[in-house]
């Protein structure tokens, strides 16, 4: 099984416009659906997968790209944060290569992501 310990947790800060250069990563028939700002870069949900671009190093010029095909997701859970002191939501994905946790800052619609994954996986 591939090593996934460095990618087991991501944090989405805010929804953002879909970056234009993501088109270079898409295959025929694949479309970008939504994008979210991470600490250093962007996570893009497409019609076929989740792409997370992660800037590396001090300058951020080196970029690592993770691609998680929806077909590898075996189970997922979502939790909304709606309490007075609960500002974040989270989504967890169990995949063929491991468990991935996605933290969502206040204002990100976890149910929208839940529906997007449901439509792609089911």
Protein backbone atom coordinates (compact mmCIF):
# COMPACT_ATOMS: atom_id res chain seq x y z
CA UNK A 1 0.00 0.00 0.00
CA UNK A 2 1.40 3.48 -0.86
CA UNK A 3 2.51 5.76 1.97
CA UNK A 4 -0.17 8.40 2.65
CA UNK A 5 0.78 9.75 6.07
CA UNK A 6 1.74 13.15 4.62
CA UNK A 7 -1.64 13.63 2.93
CA UNK A 8 -4.01 12.38 5.59
CA UNK A 9 -5.29 15.86 6.52
CA UNK A 10 -6.14 18.92 4.47
CA UNK A 11 -7.82 22.16 5.50
CA UNK A 12 -10.13 24.08 3.17
CA UNK A 13 -10.31 27.73 4.17
CA UNK A 14 -12.76 29.29 1.73
CA UNK A 15 -14.41 28.63 -1.62
CA UNK A 16 -12.57 30.39 -4.45
CA UNK A 17 -12.75 30.71 -8.23
CA UNK A 18 -11.58 27.66 -10.17
CA UNK A 19 -7.98 28.33 -11.27
CA UNK A 20 -7.61 28.55 -15.04
CA UNK A 21 -4.48 26.41 -15.13
CA UNK A 22 -6.36 23.39 -13.75
CA UNK A 23 -7.54 22.73 -17.30
CA UNK A 24 -4.05 21.39 -18.05
CA UNK A 25 -4.69 18.57 -15.56
CA UNK A 26 -8.16 17.54 -16.77
CA UNK A 27 -8.82 14.58 -19.04
CA UNK A 28 -11.34 14.52 -21.88
CA UNK A 29 -14.88 14.79 -20.52
CA UNK A 30 -13.74 15.97 -17.07
CA UNK A 31 -14.90 19.36 -15.80
CA UNK A 32 -13.96 21.42 -12.76
CA UNK A 33 -16.93 21.88 -10.42
CA UNK A 34 -15.69 23.76 -7.34
CA UNK A 35 -12.43 25.03 -5.82
CA UNK A 36 -11.36 25.75 -2.26
CA UNK A 37 -8.42 27.70 -0.91
CA UNK A 38 -6.06 25.67 1.25
CA UNK A 39 -3.28 27.15 3.39
CA UNK A 40 -0.84 27.39 0.50
CA UNK A 41 -2.78 26.51 -2.62
CA UNK A 42 -6.04 25.07 -3.96
CA UNK A 43 -8.23 21.96 -3.87
CA UNK A 44 -10.39 21.42 -6.93
CA UNK A 45 -13.38 19.08 -7.13
CA UNK A 46 -13.93 17.88 -10.68
CA UNK A 47 -16.53 15.59 -12.20
CA UNK A 48 -14.11 12.64 -11.73
CA UNK A 49 -11.72 13.38 -8.82
CA UNK A 50 -10.39 15.67 -6.13
CA UNK A 51 -7.18 17.48 -7.10
CA UNK A 52 -5.15 19.11 -4.33
CA UNK A 53 -2.25 21.34 -5.33
CA UNK A 54 0.25 21.85 -2.53
CA UNK A 55 3.03 24.45 -2.82
CA UNK A 56 6.32 23.21 -1.38
CA UNK A 57 9.35 24.97 0.08
CA UNK A 58 9.84 28.57 1.17
CA UNK A 59 9.26 30.08 -2.26
CA UNK A 60 6.29 27.86 -3.10
CA UNK A 61 7.56 27.38 -6.66
CA UNK A 62 7.64 23.61 -6.32
CA UNK A 63 4.08 22.29 -6.46
CA UNK A 64 2.99 18.78 -5.57
CA UNK A 65 -0.32 17.64 -7.06
CA UNK A 66 -2.49 14.96 -5.41
CA UNK A 67 -5.24 13.31 -7.42
CA UNK A 68 -7.92 11.28 -5.65
CA UNK A 69 -10.29 9.57 -8.10
CA UNK A 70 -13.80 9.31 -6.68
CA UNK A 71 -13.77 5.63 -7.71
CA UNK A 72 -11.23 4.95 -4.91
CA UNK A 73 -13.58 6.28 -2.19
CA UNK A 74 -15.16 3.37 -0.32
CA UNK A 75 -16.93 5.34 2.42
CA UNK A 76 -17.17 8.93 3.67
CA UNK A 77 -18.64 10.88 6.53
CA UNK A 78 -19.42 14.54 7.03
CA UNK A 79 -20.00 16.61 10.13
CA UNK A 80 -21.32 20.14 10.12
CA UNK A 81 -20.24 22.69 12.72
CA UNK A 82 -23.30 24.70 13.66
CA UNK A 83 -22.87 25.21 17.37
CA UNK A 84 -22.02 28.44 19.12
CA UNK A 85 -18.40 27.45 19.69
CA UNK A 86 -18.05 24.93 16.84
CA UNK A 87 -16.73 26.92 13.88
CA UNK A 88 -15.44 24.12 11.66
CA UNK A 89 -16.94 21.21 9.79
CA UNK A 90 -15.15 18.15 8.60
CA UNK A 91 -15.32 15.44 6.03
CA UNK A 92 -13.56 12.10 6.24
CA UNK A 93 -12.85 9.85 3.27
CA UNK A 94 -11.92 6.18 3.50
CA UNK A 95 -10.13 5.19 0.32
CA UNK A 96 -8.21 2.24 -1.05
CA UNK A 97 -4.96 3.88 0.08
CA UNK A 98 -6.01 5.13 3.49
CA UNK A 99 -8.06 7.55 5.52
CA UNK A 100 -8.16 11.25 4.60
CA UNK A 101 -9.56 14.00 6.80
CA UNK A 102 -10.66 17.34 5.36
CA UNK A 103 -11.24 20.21 7.81
CA UNK A 104 -13.60 22.93 6.57
CA UNK A 105 -13.47 26.45 7.95
CA UNK A 106 -16.64 28.32 8.86
CA UNK A 107 -18.72 29.29 5.85
CA UNK A 108 -17.92 26.27 3.68
CA UNK A 109 -21.06 24.28 2.90
CA UNK A 110 -20.22 20.72 3.95
CA UNK A 111 -23.54 19.47 2.57
CA UNK A 112 -22.61 20.76 -0.89
CA UNK A 113 -19.39 18.72 -0.76
CA UNK A 114 -21.31 15.74 0.58
CA UNK A 115 -23.72 15.93 -2.37
CA UNK A 116 -20.89 16.40 -4.87
CA UNK A 117 -19.13 13.25 -3.64
CA UNK A 118 -22.43 11.35 -3.47
CA UNK A 119 -23.23 12.19 -7.09
CA UNK A 120 -19.76 11.08 -8.20
CA UNK A 121 -19.50 7.88 -6.16
CA UNK A 122 -23.04 6.48 -6.15
